[in-house]
PDB file of N, CA and C in Angstrom:
ATOM      1  N   MET A   1     105.880 105.338  97.887  1.00  0.00           N
ATOM      2  CA  MET A   1     104.699 105.739  98.622  1.00  0.00           C
ATOM      3  C   MET A   1     105.123 106.107 100.038  1.00  0.00           C
ATOM      4  N   PHE A   2     104.504 107.150 100.531  1.00  0.00           N
ATOM      5  CA  PHE A   2     104.732 107.628 101.888  1.00  0.00           C
ATOM      6  C   PHE A   2     103.374 107.897 102.503  1.00  0.00           C
ATOM      7  N   ALA A   3     103.130 107.384 103.692  1.00  0.00           N
ATOM      8  CA  ALA A   3     101.826 107.577 104.339  1.00  0.00           C
ATOM      9  C   ALA A   3     102.011 107.990 105.789  1.00  0.00           C
ATOM     10  N   LEU A   4     101.192 108.914 106.214  1.00  0.00           N
ATOM     11  CA  LEU A   4     101.123 109.309 107.619  1.00  0.00           C
ATOM     12  C   LEU A   4      99.817 108.759 108.176  1.00  0.00           C
ATOM     13  N   LEU A   5      99.911 107.860 109.115  1.00  0.00           N
ATOM     14  CA  LEU A   5      98.731 107.284 109.737  1.00  0.00           C
ATOM     15  C   LEU A   5      98.709 107.752 111.187  1.00  0.00           C
ATOM     16  N   ARG A   6      97.751 108.604 111.497  1.00  0.00           N
ATOM     17  CA  ARG A   6      97.712 109.222 112.817  1.00  0.00           C
ATOM     18  C   ARG A   6      96.441 108.827 113.544  1.00  0.00           C
ATOM     19  N   THR A   7      96.478 108.913 114.853  1.00  0.00           N
ATOM     20  CA  THR A   7      95.302 108.675 115.683  1.00  0.00           C
ATOM     21  C   THR A   7      95.177 109.819 116.688  1.00  0.00           C
ATOM     22  N   ALA A   8      93.999 109.941 117.257  1.00  0.00           N
ATOM     23  CA  ALA A   8      93.755 110.970 118.267  1.00  0.00           C
ATOM     24  C   ALA A   8      92.809 110.407 119.317  1.00  0.00           C
ATOM     25  N   PRO A   9      92.955 110.851 120.546  1.00  0.00           N
ATOM     26  CA  PRO A   9      92.006 110.416 121.579  1.00  0.00           C
ATOM     27  C   PRO A   9      90.598 110.899 121.229  1.00  0.00           C
ATOM     28  N   PRO A  10      89.588 110.073 121.429  1.00  0.00           N
ATOM     29  CA  PRO A  10      88.224 110.468 121.063  1.00  0.00           C
ATOM     30  C   PRO A  10      87.690 111.656 121.858  1.00  0.00           C
ATOM     31  N   ASP A  11      88.246 111.929 123.027  1.00  0.00           N
ATOM     32  CA  ASP A  11      87.743 113.027 123.847  1.00  0.00           C
ATOM     33  C   ASP A  11      88.549 114.313 123.687  1.00  0.00           C
ATOM     34  N   SER A  12      89.398 114.358 122.688  1.00  0.00           N
ATOM     35  CA  SER A  12      90.235 115.532 122.455  1.00  0.00           C
ATOM     36  C   SER A  12      89.542 116.459 121.459  1.00  0.00           C
ATOM     37  N   HIS A  13      88.783 117.414 121.972  1.00  0.00           N
ATOM     38  CA  HIS A  13      87.993 118.316 121.135  1.00  0.00           C
ATOM     39  C   HIS A  13      88.891 119.167 120.241  1.00  0.00           C
ATOM     40  N   GLY A  14      88.558 119.226 118.972  1.00  0.00           N
ATOM     41  CA  GLY A  14      89.302 120.054 118.033  1.00  0.00           C
ATOM     42  C   GLY A  14      90.520 119.366 117.439  1.00  0.00           C
ATOM     43  N   THR A  15      90.908 118.220 117.986  1.00  0.00           N
ATOM     44  CA  THR A  15      92.105 117.549 117.475  1.00  0.00           C
ATOM     45  C   THR A  15      91.939 117.132 116.022  1.00  0.00           C
ATOM     46  N   ALA A  16      90.798 116.559 115.679  1.00  0.00           N
ATOM     47  CA  ALA A  16      90.581 116.104 114.302  1.00  0.00           C
ATOM     48  C   ALA A  16      90.680 117.274 113.323  1.00  0.00           C
ATOM     49  N   ALA A  17      90.091 118.401 113.660  1.00  0.00           N
ATOM     50  CA  ALA A  17      90.151 119.576 112.777  1.00  0.00           C
ATOM     51  C   ALA A  17      91.591 120.060 112.614  1.00  0.00           C
ATOM     52  N   ARG A  18      92.351 120.062 113.703  1.00  0.00           N
ATOM     53  CA  ARG A  18      93.763 120.466 113.615  1.00  0.00           C
ATOM     54  C   ARG A  18      94.571 119.471 112.777  1.00  0.00           C
ATOM     55  N   MET A  19      94.256 118.191 112.917  1.00  0.00           N
ATOM     56  CA  MET A  19      94.966 117.171 112.141  1.00  0.00           C
ATOM     57  C   MET A  19      94.665 117.303 110.649  1.00  0.00           C
ATOM     58  N   VAL A  20      93.408 117.562 110.310  1.00  0.00           N
ATOM     59  CA  VAL A  20      93.044 117.743 108.899  1.00  0.00           C
ATOM     60  C   VAL A  20      93.712 119.004 108.353  1.00  0.00           C
ATOM     61  N   ALA A  21      93.759 120.074 109.132  1.00  0.00           N
ATOM     62  CA  ALA A  21      94.424 121.310 108.693  1.00  0.00           C
ATOM     63  C   ALA A  21      95.916 121.067 108.465  1.00  0.00           C
ATOM     64  N   ALA A  22      96.548 120.313 109.348  1.00  0.00           N
ATOM     65  CA  ALA A  22      97.970 119.998 109.180  1.00  0.00           C
ATOM     66  C   ALA A  22      98.182 119.122 107.956  1.00  0.00           C
ATOM     67  N   LYS A  23      97.256 118.188 107.727  1.00  0.00           N
ATOM     68  CA  LYS A  23      97.360 117.320 106.546  1.00  0.00           C
ATOM     69  C   LYS A  23      97.209 118.150 105.274  1.00  0.00           C
ATOM     70  N   ARG A  24      96.316 119.144 105.305  1.00  0.00           N
ATOM     71  CA  ARG A  24      96.131 120.013 104.138  1.00  0.00           C
ATOM     72  C   ARG A  24      97.416 120.788 103.850  1.00  0.00           C
ATOM     73  N   ALA A  25      98.050 121.301 104.884  1.00  0.00           N
ATOM     74  CA  ALA A  25      99.296 122.045 104.703  1.00  0.00           C
ATOM     75  C   ALA A  25     100.372 121.142 104.099  1.00  0.00           C
ATOM     76  N   ALA A  26     100.464 119.908 104.583  1.00  0.00           N
ATOM     77  CA  ALA A  26     101.443 118.957 104.037  1.00  0.00           C
ATOM     78  C   ALA A  26     101.108 118.618 102.592  1.00  0.00           C
ATOM     79  N   TYR A  27      99.824 118.448 102.287  1.00  0.00           N
ATOM     80  CA  TYR A  27      99.376 118.155 100.923  1.00  0.00           C
ATOM     81  C   TYR A  27      99.740 119.304  99.982  1.00  0.00           C
ATOM     82  N   ASP A  28      99.463 120.533 100.391  1.00  0.00           N
ATOM     83  CA  ASP A  28      99.774 121.697  99.551  1.00  0.00           C
ATOM     84  C   ASP A  28     101.278 121.811  99.309  1.00  0.00           C
ATOM     85  N   LEU A  29     102.064 121.543 100.324  1.00  0.00           N
ATOM     86  CA  LEU A  29     103.521 121.570 100.180  1.00  0.00           C
ATOM     87  C   LEU A  29     103.991 120.487  99.207  1.00  0.00           C
ATOM     88  N   ALA A  30     103.446 119.297  99.335  1.00  0.00           N
ATOM     89  CA  ALA A  30     103.815 118.200  98.437  1.00  0.00           C
ATOM     90  C   ALA A  30     103.387 118.492  97.004  1.00  0.00           C
ATOM     91  N   ARG A  31     102.169 119.012  96.819  1.00  0.00           N
ATOM     92  CA  ARG A  31     101.688 119.342  95.462  1.00  0.00           C
ATOM     93  C   ARG A  31     102.584 120.396  94.818  1.00  0.00           C
ATOM     94  N   ALA A  32     103.044 121.365  95.587  1.00  0.00           N
ATOM     95  CA  ALA A  32     103.924 122.407  95.052  1.00  0.00           C
ATOM     96  C   ALA A  32     105.243 121.802  94.567  1.00  0.00           C
ATOM     97  N   ALA A  33     105.611 120.654  95.128  1.00  0.00           N
ATOM     98  CA  ALA A  33     106.844 119.972  94.716  1.00  0.00           C
ATOM     99  C   ALA A  33     106.589 118.957  93.602  1.00  0.00           C
ATOM    100  N   GLY A  34     105.327 118.866  93.142  1.00  0.00           N
ATOM    101  CA  GLY A  34     105.007 117.960  92.043  1.00  0.00           C
ATOM    102  C   GLY A  34     104.540 116.576  92.456  1.00  0.00           C
ATOM    103  N   VAL A  35     104.303 116.384  93.737  1.00  0.00           N
ATOM    104  CA  VAL A  35     103.864 115.084  94.247  1.00  0.00           C
ATOM    105  C   VAL A  35     102.353 114.964  94.071  1.00  0.00           C
ATOM    106  N   VAL A  36     101.851 113.762  93.820  1.00  0.00           N
ATOM    107  CA  VAL A  36     100.412 113.516  93.807  1.00  0.00           C
ATOM    108  C   VAL A  36     100.062 112.672  95.017  1.00  0.00           C
ATOM    109  N   ALA A  37      98.846 112.813  95.490  1.00  0.00           N
ATOM    110  CA  ALA A  37      98.410 112.103  96.689  1.00  0.00           C
ATOM    111  C   ALA A  37      97.474 110.973  96.314  1.00  0.00           C
ATOM    112  N   CYS A  38      97.575 109.905  97.050  1.00  0.00           N
ATOM    113  CA  CYS A  38      96.600 108.828  96.935  1.00  0.00           C
ATOM    114  C   CYS A  38      95.313 109.351  97.559  1.00  0.00           C
ATOM    115  N   PRO A  39      94.201 109.346  96.840  1.00  0.00           N
ATOM    116  CA  PRO A  39      92.991 109.973  97.364  1.00  0.00           C
ATOM    117  C   PRO A  39      92.308 109.200  98.491  1.00  0.00           C
ATOM    118  N   VAL A  40      92.933 108.187  99.041  1.00  0.00           N
ATOM    119  CA  VAL A  40      92.366 107.462 100.168  1.00  0.00           C
ATOM    120  C   VAL A  40      92.942 108.084 101.441  1.00  0.00           C
ATOM    121  N   ASN A  41      92.327 109.149 101.875  1.00  0.00           N
ATOM    122  CA  ASN A  41      92.777 109.834 103.084  1.00  0.00           C
ATOM    123  C   ASN A  41      91.643 110.670 103.643  1.00  0.00           C
ATOM    124  N   ALA A  42      91.886 111.345 104.731  1.00  0.00           N
ATOM    125  CA  ALA A  42      90.845 112.142 105.391  1.00  0.00           C
ATOM    126  C   ALA A  42      90.875 113.591 104.948  1.00  0.00           C
ATOM    127  N   LEU A  43      91.498 113.875 103.825  1.00  0.00           N
ATOM    128  CA  LEU A  43      91.629 115.250 103.371  1.00  0.00           C
ATOM    129  C   LEU A  43      90.513 115.590 102.391  1.00  0.00           C
ATOM    130  N   PRO A  44      89.668 116.551 102.714  1.00  0.00           N
ATOM    131  CA  PRO A  44      88.652 116.978 101.756  1.00  0.00           C
ATOM    132  C   PRO A  44      89.332 117.604 100.537  1.00  0.00           C
ATOM    133  N   LEU A  45      88.970 117.152  99.341  1.00  0.00           N
ATOM    134  CA  LEU A  45      89.553 117.682  98.116  1.00  0.00           C
ATOM    135  C   LEU A  45      88.502 118.461  97.334  1.00  0.00           C
ATOM    136  N   SER A  46      88.896 119.610  96.825  1.00  0.00           N
ATOM    137  CA  SER A  46      87.998 120.439  96.020  1.00  0.00           C
ATOM    138  C   SER A  46      88.014 119.943  94.576  1.00  0.00           C
ATOM    139  N   ALA A  47      87.130 120.489  93.759  1.00  0.00           N
ATOM    140  CA  ALA A  47      87.120 120.154  92.332  1.00  0.00           C
ATOM    141  C   ALA A  47      88.470 120.508  91.700  1.00  0.00           C
ATOM    142  N   ALA A  48      89.060 121.619  92.110  1.00  0.00           N
ATOM    143  CA  ALA A  48      90.370 122.018  91.581  1.00  0.00           C
ATOM    144  C   ALA A  48      91.456 121.023  92.003  1.00  0.00           C
ATOM    145  N   ASP A  49      91.375 120.517  93.233  1.00  0.00           N
ATOM    146  CA  ASP A  49      92.327 119.496  93.680  1.00  0.00           C
ATOM    147  C   ASP A  49      92.231 118.252  92.794  1.00  0.00           C
ATOM    148  N   TRP A  50      90.999 117.825  92.511  1.00  0.00           N
ATOM    149  CA  TRP A  50      90.818 116.634  91.680  1.00  0.00           C
ATOM    150  C   TRP A  50      91.319 116.863  90.262  1.00  0.00           C
ATOM    151  N   ARG A  51      91.074 118.045  89.715  1.00  0.00           N
ATOM    152  CA  ARG A  51      91.581 118.346  88.364  1.00  0.00           C
ATOM    153  C   ARG A  51      93.104 118.306  88.355  1.00  0.00           C
ATOM    154  N   ALA A  52      93.729 118.858  89.377  1.00  0.00           N
ATOM    155  CA  ALA A  52      95.191 118.838  89.464  1.00  0.00           C
ATOM    156  C   ALA A  52      95.703 117.405  89.590  1.00  0.00           C
ATOM    157  N   HIS A  53      94.961 116.573  90.285  1.00  0.00           N
ATOM    158  CA  HIS A  53      95.369 115.187  90.495  1.00  0.00           C
ATOM    159  C   HIS A  53      95.196 114.350  89.222  1.00  0.00           C
ATOM    160  N   HIS A  54      94.049 114.490  88.562  1.00  0.00           N
ATOM    161  CA  HIS A  54      93.724 113.642  87.419  1.00  0.00           C
ATOM    162  C   HIS A  54      93.915 114.335  86.068  1.00  0.00           C
ATOM    163  N   GLY A  55      94.113 115.608  86.054  1.00  0.00           N
ATOM    164  CA  GLY A  55      94.201 116.339  84.784  1.00  0.00           C
ATOM    165  C   GLY A  55      92.806 116.730  84.322  1.00  0.00           C
ATOM    166  N   THR A  56      92.735 117.314  83.156  1.00  0.00           N
ATOM    167  CA  THR A  56      91.442 117.806  82.652  1.00  0.00           C
ATOM    168  C   THR A  56      90.606 116.718  82.003  1.00  0.00           C
ATOM    169  N   GLY A  57      91.211 115.572  81.727  1.00  0.00           N
ATOM    170  CA  GLY A  57      90.484 114.500  81.042  1.00  0.00           C
ATOM    171  C   GLY A  57      90.611 114.597  79.533  1.00  0.00           C
ATOM    172  N   ARG A  58      91.221 115.652  79.052  1.00  0.00           N
ATOM    173  CA  ARG A  58      91.419 115.819  77.617  1.00  0.00           C
ATOM    174  C   ARG A  58      92.764 115.216  77.218  1.00  0.00           C
ATOM    175  N   GLN A  59      92.767 114.564  76.101  1.00  0.00           N
ATOM    176  CA  GLN A  59      94.016 114.015  75.585  1.00  0.00           C
ATOM    177  C   GLN A  59      94.556 114.918  74.495  1.00  0.00           C
ATOM    178  N   SER A  60      95.877 115.078  74.453  1.00  0.00           N
ATOM    179  CA  SER A  60      96.448 115.932  73.417  1.00  0.00           C
ATOM    180  C   SER A  60      96.889 115.120  72.234  1.00  0.00           C
TER     181      SER A  60
END
C-alpha cells in the first residue's frame, strides 16, 4: 500500500482543486500500470472508474 496524505492552507484559493487534479493524474497513471486504488480518498470516481476497480460483477 502506498498513500499520499496532503494538506493545504485553508486560505489558499484553488489549492484543493489543483490537488484533486494532480491526484487524478497520479490515479490515471497508476491505473494504466495495472494498480488499483483504495477508494478512501478525495478523488471523485466515475461509474467507469468503479467498473474498472470492481469489474463488471459477472463471474465467468
